[in-house]
Amino acid sequence: MGTLADHVGDVLRITIAALVHAWQGQPDTQPDESVGDWAWYPLDQLPDGLFVCSAQILTAWRPHLPIDHTPAHFTPFASDTTSSSTASNGGA
């Protein structure tokens, strides 16, 4: 888990992410969700043009993913990581 912060124009955006290790069933896009065209993808089949916050948090979690996005400040909540970092393409 962690918090990611960035600015878009005059808006401060805060994204909180969590990594789920156990679940039942298959992830599926629900037709009446209010999140627009979001969908589930395997990490090796991510589409171009991801929502910026999704791209930022994915590369904070997995820095090697080849996703282009604007930088954001990521603060992990994990007890084994004590420093903050900047999530950017190719590094977290």
N, C-alpha and C. Protein backbone atom coordinates (compact mmCIF):
# COMPACT_ATOMS: atom_id res chain seq x y z
N MET A 1 0.83 -1.17 0.00
CA MET A 1 0.00 0.00 0.00
C MET A 1 0.87 1.24 0.00
N GLY A 2 0.32 2.27 -0.55
CA GLY A 2 1.05 3.52 -0.56
C GLY A 2 0.18 4.65 -1.06
N THR A 3 0.68 5.87 -0.92
CA THR A 3 -0.01 7.06 -1.39
C THR A 3 0.81 7.70 -2.48
N LEU A 4 0.15 8.09 -3.54
CA LEU A 4 0.80 8.73 -4.67
C LEU A 4 0.17 10.11 -4.84
N ALA A 5 0.98 11.14 -4.98
CA ALA A 5 0.45 12.50 -5.14
C ALA A 5 1.06 13.14 -6.37
N ASP A 6 0.22 13.82 -7.16
CA ASP A 6 0.71 14.61 -8.29
C ASP A 6 -0.23 15.80 -8.50
N HIS A 7 0.19 16.73 -9.35
CA HIS A 7 -0.61 17.90 -9.67
C HIS A 7 -1.01 17.85 -11.13
N VAL A 8 -2.28 18.16 -11.39
CA VAL A 8 -2.78 18.32 -12.75
C VAL A 8 -3.42 19.70 -12.79
N GLY A 9 -2.73 20.63 -13.43
CA GLY A 9 -3.19 22.02 -13.40
C GLY A 9 -3.18 22.52 -11.97
N ASP A 10 -4.32 22.99 -11.49
CA ASP A 10 -4.45 23.47 -10.11
C ASP A 10 -4.98 22.40 -9.16
N VAL A 11 -5.08 21.16 -9.63
CA VAL A 11 -5.67 20.09 -8.82
C VAL A 11 -4.58 19.18 -8.26
N LEU A 12 -4.61 18.98 -6.95
CA LEU A 12 -3.72 18.01 -6.32
C LEU A 12 -4.46 16.68 -6.31
N ARG A 13 -3.86 15.66 -6.94
CA ARG A 13 -4.47 14.34 -7.00
C ARG A 13 -3.79 13.42 -6.03
N ILE A 14 -4.57 12.68 -5.24
CA ILE A 14 -4.05 11.69 -4.31
C ILE A 14 -4.61 10.33 -4.73
N THR A 15 -3.74 9.36 -4.90
CA THR A 15 -4.14 8.00 -5.24
C THR A 15 -3.61 7.08 -4.15
N ILE A 16 -4.46 6.20 -3.66
CA ILE A 16 -4.02 5.22 -2.67
C ILE A 16 -4.18 3.85 -3.30
N ALA A 17 -3.11 3.08 -3.26
CA ALA A 17 -3.12 1.77 -3.89
C ALA A 17 -2.90 0.68 -2.85
N ALA A 18 -3.45 -0.48 -3.14
CA ALA A 18 -3.25 -1.65 -2.27
C ALA A 18 -2.99 -2.85 -3.16
N LEU A 19 -2.12 -3.72 -2.71
CA LEU A 19 -1.81 -4.95 -3.41
C LEU A 19 -2.60 -6.07 -2.75
N VAL A 20 -3.42 -6.75 -3.53
CA VAL A 20 -4.26 -7.84 -3.03
C VAL A 20 -3.55 -9.16 -3.31
N HIS A 21 -3.38 -9.97 -2.28
CA HIS A 21 -2.69 -11.25 -2.43
C HIS A 21 -3.65 -12.43 -2.50
N ALA A 22 -4.87 -12.29 -2.07
CA ALA A 22 -5.82 -13.40 -2.08
C ALA A 22 -7.22 -12.89 -2.45
N TRP A 23 -7.91 -13.60 -3.29
CA TRP A 23 -9.26 -13.25 -3.70
C TRP A 23 -9.94 -14.50 -4.23
N GLN A 24 -11.23 -14.40 -4.44
CA GLN A 24 -11.99 -15.49 -5.04
C GLN A 24 -12.58 -14.99 -6.34
N GLY A 25 -12.72 -15.90 -7.33
CA GLY A 25 -13.32 -15.53 -8.60
C GLY A 25 -12.31 -14.91 -9.55
N GLN A 26 -12.82 -14.33 -10.62
CA GLN A 26 -12.00 -13.68 -11.64
C GLN A 26 -12.33 -12.19 -11.68
N PRO A 27 -11.31 -11.32 -11.79
CA PRO A 27 -11.61 -9.88 -11.94
C PRO A 27 -12.40 -9.68 -13.23
N ASP A 28 -13.39 -8.83 -13.16
CA ASP A 28 -14.22 -8.60 -14.33
C ASP A 28 -14.72 -7.16 -14.31
N THR A 29 -14.82 -6.54 -15.45
CA THR A 29 -15.36 -5.20 -15.56
C THR A 29 -16.88 -5.30 -15.46
N GLN A 30 -17.46 -4.50 -14.59
CA GLN A 30 -18.90 -4.52 -14.39
C GLN A 30 -19.56 -3.46 -15.28
N PRO A 31 -20.66 -3.81 -15.95
CA PRO A 31 -21.27 -2.88 -16.91
C PRO A 31 -21.77 -1.57 -16.31
N ASP A 32 -22.16 -1.56 -15.04
CA ASP A 32 -22.70 -0.34 -14.44
C ASP A 32 -21.72 0.40 -13.55
N GLU A 33 -20.42 0.09 -13.64
CA GLU A 33 -19.43 0.80 -12.84
C GLU A 33 -19.32 2.24 -13.30
N SER A 34 -19.00 3.12 -12.36
CA SER A 34 -18.90 4.54 -12.69
C SER A 34 -17.48 4.95 -13.06
N VAL A 35 -16.59 3.99 -13.31
CA VAL A 35 -15.20 4.33 -13.62
C VAL A 35 -14.92 4.39 -15.11
N GLY A 36 -15.94 4.43 -15.93
CA GLY A 36 -15.74 4.59 -17.36
C GLY A 36 -15.31 3.30 -18.05
N ASP A 37 -14.26 3.40 -18.85
CA ASP A 37 -13.82 2.28 -19.67
C ASP A 37 -12.72 1.45 -19.03
N TRP A 38 -12.63 1.43 -17.72
CA TRP A 38 -11.59 0.65 -17.07
C TRP A 38 -11.82 -0.83 -17.31
N ALA A 39 -10.74 -1.57 -17.37
CA ALA A 39 -10.82 -3.01 -17.57
C ALA A 39 -9.60 -3.67 -16.92
N TRP A 40 -9.65 -4.98 -16.76
CA TRP A 40 -8.55 -5.76 -16.19
C TRP A 40 -7.64 -6.25 -17.31
N TYR A 41 -6.32 -6.15 -17.11
CA TYR A 41 -5.34 -6.60 -18.10
C TYR A 41 -4.21 -7.33 -17.39
N PRO A 42 -3.66 -8.36 -18.02
CA PRO A 42 -2.42 -8.95 -17.50
C PRO A 42 -1.29 -7.91 -17.64
N LEU A 43 -0.31 -7.96 -16.74
CA LEU A 43 0.78 -6.98 -16.78
C LEU A 43 1.55 -6.99 -18.09
N ASP A 44 1.62 -8.13 -18.76
CA ASP A 44 2.34 -8.19 -20.03
C ASP A 44 1.47 -7.80 -21.23
N GLN A 45 0.24 -7.35 -20.97
CA GLN A 45 -0.66 -6.94 -22.06
C GLN A 45 -1.36 -5.61 -21.76
N LEU A 46 -0.68 -4.74 -21.04
CA LEU A 46 -1.27 -3.44 -20.72
C LEU A 46 -1.44 -2.61 -21.98
N PRO A 47 -2.57 -1.95 -22.15
CA PRO A 47 -2.80 -1.13 -23.35
C PRO A 47 -2.05 0.20 -23.26
N ASP A 48 -1.88 0.85 -24.39
CA ASP A 48 -1.34 2.21 -24.41
C ASP A 48 -2.40 3.15 -23.85
N GLY A 49 -1.96 4.29 -23.38
CA GLY A 49 -2.89 5.32 -22.93
C GLY A 49 -3.59 5.00 -21.62
N LEU A 50 -2.88 4.37 -20.68
CA LEU A 50 -3.47 4.11 -19.37
C LEU A 50 -3.82 5.42 -18.67
N PHE A 51 -4.81 5.38 -17.80
CA PHE A 51 -5.12 6.51 -16.93
C PHE A 51 -3.83 6.85 -16.19
N VAL A 52 -3.47 8.10 -16.13
CA VAL A 52 -2.17 8.51 -15.58
C VAL A 52 -1.94 7.96 -14.17
N CYS A 53 -2.94 8.06 -13.30
CA CYS A 53 -2.77 7.56 -11.92
C CYS A 53 -2.52 6.06 -11.91
N SER A 54 -3.17 5.32 -12.79
CA SER A 54 -2.93 3.88 -12.88
C SER A 54 -1.51 3.60 -13.33
N ALA A 55 -1.04 4.34 -14.33
CA ALA A 55 0.33 4.16 -14.82
C ALA A 55 1.34 4.48 -13.73
N GLN A 56 1.10 5.55 -12.99
CA GLN A 56 2.04 5.95 -11.93
C GLN A 56 2.11 4.90 -10.83
N ILE A 57 0.98 4.40 -10.40
CA ILE A 57 1.00 3.44 -9.29
C ILE A 57 1.54 2.10 -9.74
N LEU A 58 1.29 1.70 -10.99
CA LEU A 58 1.85 0.45 -11.50
C LEU A 58 3.37 0.48 -11.52
N THR A 59 3.95 1.63 -11.92
CA THR A 59 5.41 1.69 -11.95
C THR A 59 6.02 1.94 -10.58
N ALA A 60 5.25 2.47 -9.63
CA ALA A 60 5.73 2.54 -8.26
C ALA A 60 5.83 1.12 -7.69
N TRP A 61 4.89 0.26 -8.08
CA TRP A 61 4.87 -1.13 -7.63
C TRP A 61 5.88 -1.99 -8.39
N ARG A 62 5.92 -1.82 -9.71
CA ARG A 62 6.81 -2.60 -10.58
C ARG A 62 7.59 -1.64 -11.49
N PRO A 63 8.73 -1.13 -11.02
CA PRO A 63 9.48 -0.11 -11.75
C PRO A 63 9.92 -0.54 -13.15
N HIS A 64 10.04 -1.82 -13.42
CA HIS A 64 10.51 -2.28 -14.73
C HIS A 64 9.45 -2.21 -15.82
N LEU A 65 8.19 -1.98 -15.46
CA LEU A 65 7.14 -1.94 -16.48
C LEU A 65 7.39 -0.78 -17.45
N PRO A 66 7.31 -1.04 -18.74
CA PRO A 66 7.58 0.01 -19.74
C PRO A 66 6.37 0.91 -19.97
N ILE A 67 6.03 1.72 -18.98
CA ILE A 67 4.86 2.58 -19.05
C ILE A 67 5.34 4.03 -18.98
N ASP A 68 4.90 4.84 -19.93
CA ASP A 68 5.26 6.25 -19.95
C ASP A 68 4.19 7.05 -19.19
N HIS A 69 4.62 7.96 -18.32
CA HIS A 69 3.69 8.80 -17.57
C HIS A 69 4.46 9.95 -16.92
N THR A 70 3.69 10.90 -16.42
CA THR A 70 4.30 12.01 -15.70
C THR A 70 4.72 11.54 -14.31
N PRO A 71 5.77 12.11 -13.74
CA PRO A 71 6.22 11.70 -12.41
C PRO A 71 5.20 12.04 -11.32
N ALA A 72 5.28 11.30 -10.24
CA ALA A 72 4.44 11.56 -9.06
C ALA A 72 5.24 11.18 -7.82
N HIS A 73 4.89 11.76 -6.70
CA HIS A 73 5.56 11.43 -5.45
C HIS A 73 4.85 10.24 -4.81
N PHE A 74 5.57 9.16 -4.55
CA PHE A 74 5.00 7.94 -3.96
C PHE A 74 5.56 7.74 -2.56
N THR A 75 4.68 7.54 -1.60
CA THR A 75 5.07 7.25 -0.23
C THR A 75 4.53 5.88 0.14
N PRO A 76 5.40 4.89 0.29
CA PRO A 76 4.92 3.54 0.64
C PRO A 76 4.50 3.47 2.11
N PHE A 77 3.53 2.61 2.40
CA PHE A 77 3.09 2.38 3.77
C PHE A 77 3.76 1.16 4.36
N ALA A 78 4.47 0.37 3.56
CA ALA A 78 5.07 -0.88 4.03
C ALA A 78 6.12 -0.58 5.10
N SER A 79 6.19 -1.45 6.10
CA SER A 79 7.13 -1.23 7.20
C SER A 79 8.59 -1.47 6.79
N ASP A 80 8.82 -2.23 5.71
CA ASP A 80 10.19 -2.51 5.29
C ASP A 80 10.77 -1.41 4.41
N THR A 81 9.99 -0.42 4.04
CA THR A 81 10.45 0.69 3.22
C THR A 81 10.20 1.97 3.98
N THR A 82 11.25 2.72 4.28
CA THR A 82 11.09 3.91 5.10
C THR A 82 11.23 5.21 4.33
N SER A 83 11.63 5.16 3.09
CA SER A 83 11.82 6.41 2.35
C SER A 83 10.77 6.60 1.28
N SER A 84 10.54 7.82 0.89
CA SER A 84 9.64 8.16 -0.20
C SER A 84 10.42 8.12 -1.49
N SER A 85 9.71 8.00 -2.60
CA SER A 85 10.36 8.00 -3.89
C SER A 85 9.50 8.70 -4.90
N THR A 86 10.04 8.91 -6.08
CA THR A 86 9.28 9.49 -7.18
C THR A 86 9.02 8.40 -8.19
N ALA A 87 7.76 8.16 -8.48
CA ALA A 87 7.38 7.15 -9.48
C ALA A 87 7.56 7.77 -10.85
N SER A 88 8.38 7.18 -11.66
CA SER A 88 8.60 7.68 -13.01
C SER A 88 8.83 6.50 -13.92
N ASN A 89 8.82 6.74 -15.21
CA ASN A 89 9.03 5.67 -16.17
C ASN A 89 10.39 5.05 -15.92
N GLY A 90 10.39 3.76 -15.60
CA GLY A 90 11.65 3.05 -15.40
C GLY A 90 12.17 3.09 -13.99
N GLY A 91 11.48 3.75 -13.04
CA GLY A 91 12.00 3.76 -11.68
C GLY A 91 10.96 4.20 -10.68
N ALA A 92 11.15 3.77 -9.46
CA ALA A 92 10.20 4.20 -8.42
C ALA A 92 10.98 4.74 -7.24
